[in-house]
């Protein structure tokens, strides 16, 4: 029979899994969506040679990298 202390630990483990799954569910689709914007921005920057498009691509690439890292970290935990 599972005593009260073990039940509390199981509840905490379930809460941790739920939180991790939520963040994974949030960050992975956002990463997949950002890929298309980055491809578009980079294509326009390459074709026009515009510095502003290149800076825009660089800015969003940093956010993409952070988002990708969080998605990988939450995926490993799952």
N, C-alpha and C. Protein backbone atom coordinates (compact mmCIF):
# COMPACT_ATOMS: atom_id res chain seq x y z
N UNK A 1 0.84 -1.17 0.00
CA UNK A 1 0.00 0.00 0.00
C UNK A 1 0.89 1.25 0.00
N UNK A 2 0.49 2.23 -0.76
CA UNK A 2 1.25 3.47 -0.84
C UNK A 2 0.83 4.38 0.31
N UNK A 3 1.82 4.83 1.06
CA UNK A 3 1.48 5.71 2.17
C UNK A 3 1.32 7.16 1.70
N UNK A 4 0.97 8.02 2.60
CA UNK A 4 0.65 9.41 2.27
C UNK A 4 1.85 10.17 1.69
N UNK A 5 3.04 9.94 2.20
CA UNK A 5 4.24 10.64 1.73
C UNK A 5 4.54 10.29 0.28
N UNK A 6 4.41 9.03 -0.08
CA UNK A 6 4.68 8.63 -1.45
C UNK A 6 3.63 9.19 -2.41
N UNK A 7 2.40 9.30 -1.96
CA UNK A 7 1.35 9.88 -2.80
C UNK A 7 1.65 11.34 -3.08
N UNK A 8 2.14 12.06 -2.10
CA UNK A 8 2.50 13.47 -2.30
C UNK A 8 3.64 13.60 -3.30
N UNK A 9 4.61 12.72 -3.24
CA UNK A 9 5.72 12.76 -4.19
C UNK A 9 5.24 12.47 -5.61
N UNK A 10 4.33 11.54 -5.75
CA UNK A 10 3.77 11.23 -7.07
C UNK A 10 3.01 12.44 -7.61
N UNK A 11 2.28 13.11 -6.76
CA UNK A 11 1.55 14.31 -7.18
C UNK A 11 2.50 15.41 -7.65
N UNK A 12 3.62 15.59 -6.92
CA UNK A 12 4.61 16.58 -7.34
C UNK A 12 5.26 16.19 -8.67
N UNK A 13 5.51 14.92 -8.86
CA UNK A 13 6.10 14.45 -10.12
C UNK A 13 5.13 14.68 -11.28
N UNK A 14 3.86 14.45 -11.03
CA UNK A 14 2.86 14.70 -12.07
C UNK A 14 2.77 16.18 -12.42
N UNK A 15 2.84 17.02 -11.41
CA UNK A 15 2.80 18.47 -11.65
C UNK A 15 4.02 18.93 -12.44
N UNK A 16 5.18 18.37 -12.11
CA UNK A 16 6.40 18.73 -12.85
C UNK A 16 6.29 18.28 -14.30
N UNK A 17 5.79 17.09 -14.53
CA UNK A 17 5.63 16.60 -15.90
C UNK A 17 4.63 17.47 -16.66
N UNK A 18 3.55 17.86 -16.01
CA UNK A 18 2.55 18.70 -16.67
C UNK A 18 3.13 20.05 -17.06
N UNK A 19 3.92 20.64 -16.18
CA UNK A 19 4.54 21.93 -16.47
C UNK A 19 5.56 21.80 -17.60
N UNK A 20 6.35 20.77 -17.58
CA UNK A 20 7.33 20.54 -18.64
C UNK A 20 6.65 20.28 -19.97
N UNK A 21 5.60 19.48 -19.97
CA UNK A 21 4.87 19.20 -21.20
C UNK A 21 4.22 20.46 -21.74
N UNK A 22 3.71 21.33 -20.86
CA UNK A 22 3.11 22.58 -21.30
C UNK A 22 4.14 23.46 -21.99
N UNK A 23 5.32 23.62 -21.38
CA UNK A 23 6.35 24.45 -22.00
C UNK A 23 6.83 23.85 -23.32
N UNK A 24 6.94 22.55 -23.38
CA UNK A 24 7.33 21.90 -24.63
C UNK A 24 6.26 22.13 -25.70
N UNK A 25 5.01 22.01 -25.31
CA UNK A 25 3.90 22.21 -26.23
C UNK A 25 3.86 23.66 -26.71
N UNK A 26 4.32 24.60 -25.89
CA UNK A 26 4.32 26.01 -26.24
C UNK A 26 5.50 26.38 -27.14
N UNK A 27 6.69 25.93 -26.80
CA UNK A 27 7.88 26.39 -27.50
C UNK A 27 8.15 25.68 -28.82
N UNK A 28 7.80 24.43 -28.95
CA UNK A 28 8.08 23.71 -30.20
C UNK A 28 7.28 24.27 -31.37
N UNK A 29 5.97 24.48 -31.27
CA UNK A 29 5.25 25.08 -32.41
C UNK A 29 5.73 26.50 -32.71
N UNK A 30 6.10 27.25 -31.68
CA UNK A 30 6.61 28.59 -31.92
C UNK A 30 7.92 28.54 -32.70
N UNK A 31 8.77 27.59 -32.39
CA UNK A 31 10.02 27.41 -33.13
C UNK A 31 9.74 27.05 -34.58
N UNK A 32 8.82 26.14 -34.80
CA UNK A 32 8.49 25.73 -36.17
C UNK A 32 7.90 26.88 -36.97
N UNK A 33 7.14 27.74 -36.33
CA UNK A 33 6.59 28.91 -37.02
C UNK A 33 7.66 29.95 -37.33
N UNK A 34 8.60 30.13 -36.42
CA UNK A 34 9.66 31.11 -36.64
C UNK A 34 10.57 30.74 -37.82
N UNK A 35 10.67 29.47 -38.12
CA UNK A 35 11.52 29.03 -39.23
C UNK A 35 11.08 29.69 -40.54
N UNK A 36 9.78 29.74 -40.75
CA UNK A 36 9.26 30.32 -42.00
C UNK A 36 9.52 31.82 -42.08
N UNK A 37 9.37 32.53 -40.97
CA UNK A 37 9.68 33.95 -40.96
C UNK A 37 11.16 34.19 -41.21
N UNK A 38 12.01 33.40 -40.58
CA UNK A 38 13.45 33.56 -40.79
C UNK A 38 13.85 33.26 -42.23
N UNK A 39 13.24 32.25 -42.82
CA UNK A 39 13.54 31.94 -44.22
C UNK A 39 13.12 33.09 -45.12
N UNK A 40 11.96 33.66 -44.85
CA UNK A 40 11.48 34.80 -45.64
C UNK A 40 12.39 36.00 -45.48
N UNK A 41 12.72 36.36 -44.23
CA UNK A 41 13.58 37.51 -43.98
C UNK A 41 14.96 37.33 -44.61
N UNK A 42 15.51 36.13 -44.49
CA UNK A 42 16.84 35.89 -45.05
C UNK A 42 16.81 35.93 -46.57
N UNK A 43 15.76 35.41 -47.17
CA UNK A 43 15.64 35.45 -48.64
C UNK A 43 15.56 36.88 -49.13
N UNK A 44 14.76 37.70 -48.49
CA UNK A 44 14.64 39.11 -48.89
C UNK A 44 15.98 39.83 -48.68
N UNK A 45 16.65 39.56 -47.57
CA UNK A 45 17.94 40.19 -47.31
C UNK A 45 18.97 39.78 -48.36
N UNK A 46 18.94 38.53 -48.76
CA UNK A 46 19.90 38.05 -49.76
C UNK A 46 19.62 38.65 -51.13
N UNK A 47 18.35 38.70 -51.51
CA UNK A 47 17.99 39.20 -52.85
C UNK A 47 18.17 40.70 -52.98
N UNK A 48 17.83 41.45 -51.95
CA UNK A 48 17.92 42.91 -52.04
C UNK A 48 19.26 43.45 -51.57
N UNK A 49 19.94 42.71 -50.72
CA UNK A 49 21.19 43.20 -50.15
C UNK A 49 20.97 44.29 -49.11
N UNK A 50 19.75 44.40 -48.63
CA UNK A 50 19.39 45.44 -47.67
C UNK A 50 19.93 45.12 -46.28
N UNK A 51 20.55 46.13 -45.69
CA UNK A 51 21.10 45.97 -44.35
C UNK A 51 19.99 45.84 -43.30
N UNK A 52 18.88 46.51 -43.51
CA UNK A 52 17.79 46.45 -42.52
C UNK A 52 17.18 45.05 -42.46
N UNK A 53 17.05 44.38 -43.61
CA UNK A 53 16.53 43.01 -43.61
C UNK A 53 17.51 42.05 -42.96
N UNK A 54 18.80 42.31 -43.17
CA UNK A 54 19.81 41.46 -42.55
C UNK A 54 19.79 41.61 -41.02
N UNK A 55 19.64 42.86 -40.54
CA UNK A 55 19.55 43.09 -39.10
C UNK A 55 18.29 42.47 -38.51
N UNK A 56 17.19 42.55 -39.25
CA UNK A 56 15.94 41.94 -38.80
C UNK A 56 16.11 40.42 -38.69
N UNK A 57 16.77 39.83 -39.67
CA UNK A 57 17.03 38.39 -39.63
C UNK A 57 17.90 38.03 -38.43
N UNK A 58 18.92 38.82 -38.18
CA UNK A 58 19.82 38.56 -37.06
C UNK A 58 19.08 38.65 -35.72
N UNK A 59 18.21 39.64 -35.59
CA UNK A 59 17.44 39.80 -34.36
C UNK A 59 16.56 38.59 -34.10
N UNK A 60 15.81 38.18 -35.11
CA UNK A 60 14.90 37.04 -34.93
C UNK A 60 15.65 35.73 -34.80
N UNK A 61 16.85 35.65 -35.35
CA UNK A 61 17.65 34.43 -35.22
C UNK A 61 18.07 34.21 -33.76
N UNK A 62 18.35 35.28 -33.04
CA UNK A 62 18.70 35.15 -31.62
C UNK A 62 17.52 34.61 -30.83
N UNK A 63 16.33 35.13 -31.09
CA UNK A 63 15.14 34.63 -30.41
C UNK A 63 14.85 33.18 -30.80
N UNK A 64 15.10 32.86 -32.06
CA UNK A 64 14.91 31.49 -32.51
C UNK A 64 15.85 30.54 -31.77
N UNK A 65 17.09 30.94 -31.60
CA UNK A 65 18.07 30.09 -30.92
C UNK A 65 17.67 29.83 -29.47
N UNK A 66 17.22 30.86 -28.78
CA UNK A 66 16.78 30.68 -27.39
C UNK A 66 15.56 29.77 -27.34
N UNK A 67 14.62 30.02 -28.23
CA UNK A 67 13.40 29.21 -28.29
C UNK A 67 13.72 27.76 -28.61
N UNK A 68 14.64 27.53 -29.53
CA UNK A 68 15.04 26.18 -29.90
C UNK A 68 15.68 25.47 -28.71
N UNK A 69 16.55 26.18 -28.00
CA UNK A 69 17.22 25.58 -26.83
C UNK A 69 16.22 25.20 -25.74
N UNK A 70 15.24 26.04 -25.50
CA UNK A 70 14.23 25.72 -24.49
C UNK A 70 13.40 24.53 -24.95
N UNK A 71 13.06 24.47 -26.23
CA UNK A 71 12.31 23.33 -26.76
C UNK A 71 13.08 22.03 -26.62
N UNK A 72 14.37 22.07 -26.88
CA UNK A 72 15.20 20.86 -26.74
C UNK A 72 15.30 20.46 -25.27
N UNK A 73 15.50 21.44 -24.40
CA UNK A 73 15.63 21.14 -22.97
C UNK A 73 14.35 20.51 -22.42
N UNK A 74 13.21 21.04 -22.80
CA UNK A 74 11.96 20.47 -22.31
C UNK A 74 11.68 19.12 -22.96
N UNK A 75 12.14 18.92 -24.18
CA UNK A 75 11.96 17.63 -24.84
C UNK A 75 12.81 16.53 -24.22
N UNK A 76 14.01 16.87 -23.80
CA UNK A 76 14.88 15.88 -23.16
C UNK A 76 14.27 15.42 -21.84
N UNK A 77 13.72 16.35 -21.10
CA UNK A 77 13.11 16.01 -19.81
C UNK A 77 11.91 15.10 -19.99
N UNK A 78 11.15 15.33 -21.06
CA UNK A 78 9.98 14.48 -21.28
C UNK A 78 10.42 13.08 -21.60
